[in-house]
């Protein structure tokens, strides 16, 4: 059996209507509007865009990763497990996890010299 869906205007219930989407202050919205109401919304958006143009010209665009910008991290050039074991045997304080101080790493590298 087929289903027929009719989209009605969210203001007055008239049909046909179309779904329009927009974003305000980072929140996405969708509204079903007939042609008249869609034109009114488009006029409001156009006026807003015109008034915003000086700000848009100075603003920077945000990409998908702007909020959580990934930073490249370099893998250490040493075997952390070996450094920790050596440090423990040679009375250096190192934690079981996390970054190993430069002093300890340099001492480990200089151990054979």
Protein backbone atom coordinates (compact mmCIF):
# COMPACT_ATOMS: atom_id res chain seq x y z
CA UNK A 1 0.00 0.00 0.00
CA UNK A 2 1.33 3.46 -0.88
CA UNK A 3 1.52 6.34 1.55
CA UNK A 4 0.98 9.92 0.45
CA UNK A 5 2.59 12.61 2.58
CA UNK A 6 1.51 16.22 2.37
CA UNK A 7 3.65 19.01 3.76
CA UNK A 8 1.61 21.82 5.30
CA UNK A 9 2.72 25.37 6.07
CA UNK A 10 3.71 25.68 9.73
CA UNK A 11 2.00 29.09 10.00
CA UNK A 12 -1.40 28.54 8.45
CA UNK A 13 -1.61 24.85 7.51
CA UNK A 14 -1.94 25.60 3.79
CA UNK A 15 -0.58 23.30 1.10
CA UNK A 16 1.56 22.84 -0.87
CA UNK A 17 4.54 23.78 1.23
CA UNK A 18 8.27 23.19 1.11
CA UNK A 19 10.74 22.56 3.90
CA UNK A 20 13.29 25.33 4.33
CA UNK A 21 16.35 25.04 6.55
CA UNK A 22 18.47 27.74 8.13
CA UNK A 23 20.97 28.21 10.94
CA UNK A 24 20.90 30.88 13.64
CA UNK A 25 23.61 31.16 16.29
CA UNK A 26 24.90 27.70 15.49
CA UNK A 27 21.51 25.99 15.76
CA UNK A 28 19.93 24.36 12.71
CA UNK A 29 16.22 24.84 12.04
CA UNK A 30 13.71 23.48 9.52
CA UNK A 31 10.31 24.99 8.78
CA UNK A 32 7.58 24.09 6.29
CA UNK A 33 6.36 27.13 4.36
CA UNK A 34 4.04 27.83 1.45
CA UNK A 35 5.36 29.94 -1.41
CA UNK A 36 4.29 33.26 0.13
CA UNK A 37 5.83 32.54 3.53
CA UNK A 38 8.97 31.12 1.88
CA UNK A 39 9.41 34.39 -0.03
CA UNK A 40 8.94 36.36 3.20
CA UNK A 41 11.58 34.28 4.97
CA UNK A 42 13.94 34.67 2.02
CA UNK A 43 13.44 38.46 2.16
CA UNK A 44 14.33 38.48 5.87
CA UNK A 45 17.41 36.36 5.21
CA UNK A 46 18.49 38.60 2.33
CA UNK A 47 18.11 41.72 4.49
CA UNK A 48 20.07 40.05 7.27
CA UNK A 49 22.84 39.01 4.86
CA UNK A 50 23.06 42.57 3.54
CA UNK A 51 23.37 44.01 7.06
CA UNK A 52 25.92 41.35 7.99
CA UNK A 53 28.17 41.92 4.97
CA UNK A 54 30.64 44.26 6.79
CA UNK A 55 31.03 41.66 9.54
CA UNK A 56 31.31 38.76 7.11
CA UNK A 57 34.06 40.63 5.23
CA UNK A 58 36.13 40.80 8.45
CA UNK A 59 35.27 37.35 9.80
CA UNK A 60 37.13 34.14 9.12
CA UNK A 61 35.30 31.14 7.70
CA UNK A 62 35.13 28.06 9.85
CA UNK A 63 35.81 24.64 8.40
CA UNK A 64 34.50 21.39 9.76
CA UNK A 65 37.52 20.99 11.99
CA UNK A 66 37.61 24.53 13.32
CA UNK A 67 36.09 23.66 16.66
CA UNK A 68 38.33 20.68 17.23
CA UNK A 69 41.43 21.45 15.27
CA UNK A 70 43.67 18.43 15.08
CA UNK A 71 47.32 18.95 15.75
CA UNK A 72 49.94 16.64 14.41
CA UNK A 73 51.95 14.95 17.10
CA UNK A 74 55.31 13.44 16.46
CA UNK A 75 56.07 10.01 17.78
CA UNK A 76 58.98 10.04 20.21
CA UNK A 77 62.34 9.08 18.75
CA UNK A 78 62.99 6.68 21.60
CA UNK A 79 61.50 3.53 23.09
CA UNK A 80 59.50 4.88 26.02
CA UNK A 81 59.28 1.50 27.74
CA UNK A 82 63.05 1.03 27.59
CA UNK A 83 63.66 4.59 28.83
CA UNK A 84 61.28 4.08 31.78
CA UNK A 85 62.94 0.78 32.75
CA UNK A 86 66.42 2.31 32.50
CA UNK A 87 65.31 5.41 34.45
CA UNK A 88 63.85 3.31 37.26
CA UNK A 89 67.09 1.30 37.53
CA UNK A 90 69.14 4.51 37.62
CA UNK A 91 67.16 6.42 40.25
CA UNK A 92 65.29 8.77 37.93
CA UNK A 93 61.67 9.50 38.74
CA UNK A 94 59.35 8.81 35.82
CA UNK A 95 55.63 8.17 35.76
CA UNK A 96 54.19 4.97 34.32
CA UNK A 97 52.42 6.98 31.62
CA UNK A 98 52.75 10.30 29.89
CA UNK A 99 55.62 12.40 28.70
CA UNK A 100 59.15 11.59 29.79
CA UNK A 101 61.26 14.63 30.66
CA UNK A 102 63.98 15.75 28.26
CA UNK A 103 66.55 15.35 31.04
CA UNK A 104 65.75 11.65 31.46
CA UNK A 105 65.68 10.98 27.71
CA UNK A 106 69.05 12.72 27.24
CA UNK A 107 70.55 10.78 30.12
CA UNK A 108 69.25 7.55 28.56
CA UNK A 109 70.75 8.46 25.18
CA UNK A 110 74.10 9.39 26.79
CA UNK A 111 74.30 6.23 28.92
CA UNK A 112 76.65 4.43 26.50
CA UNK A 113 78.98 7.35 25.85
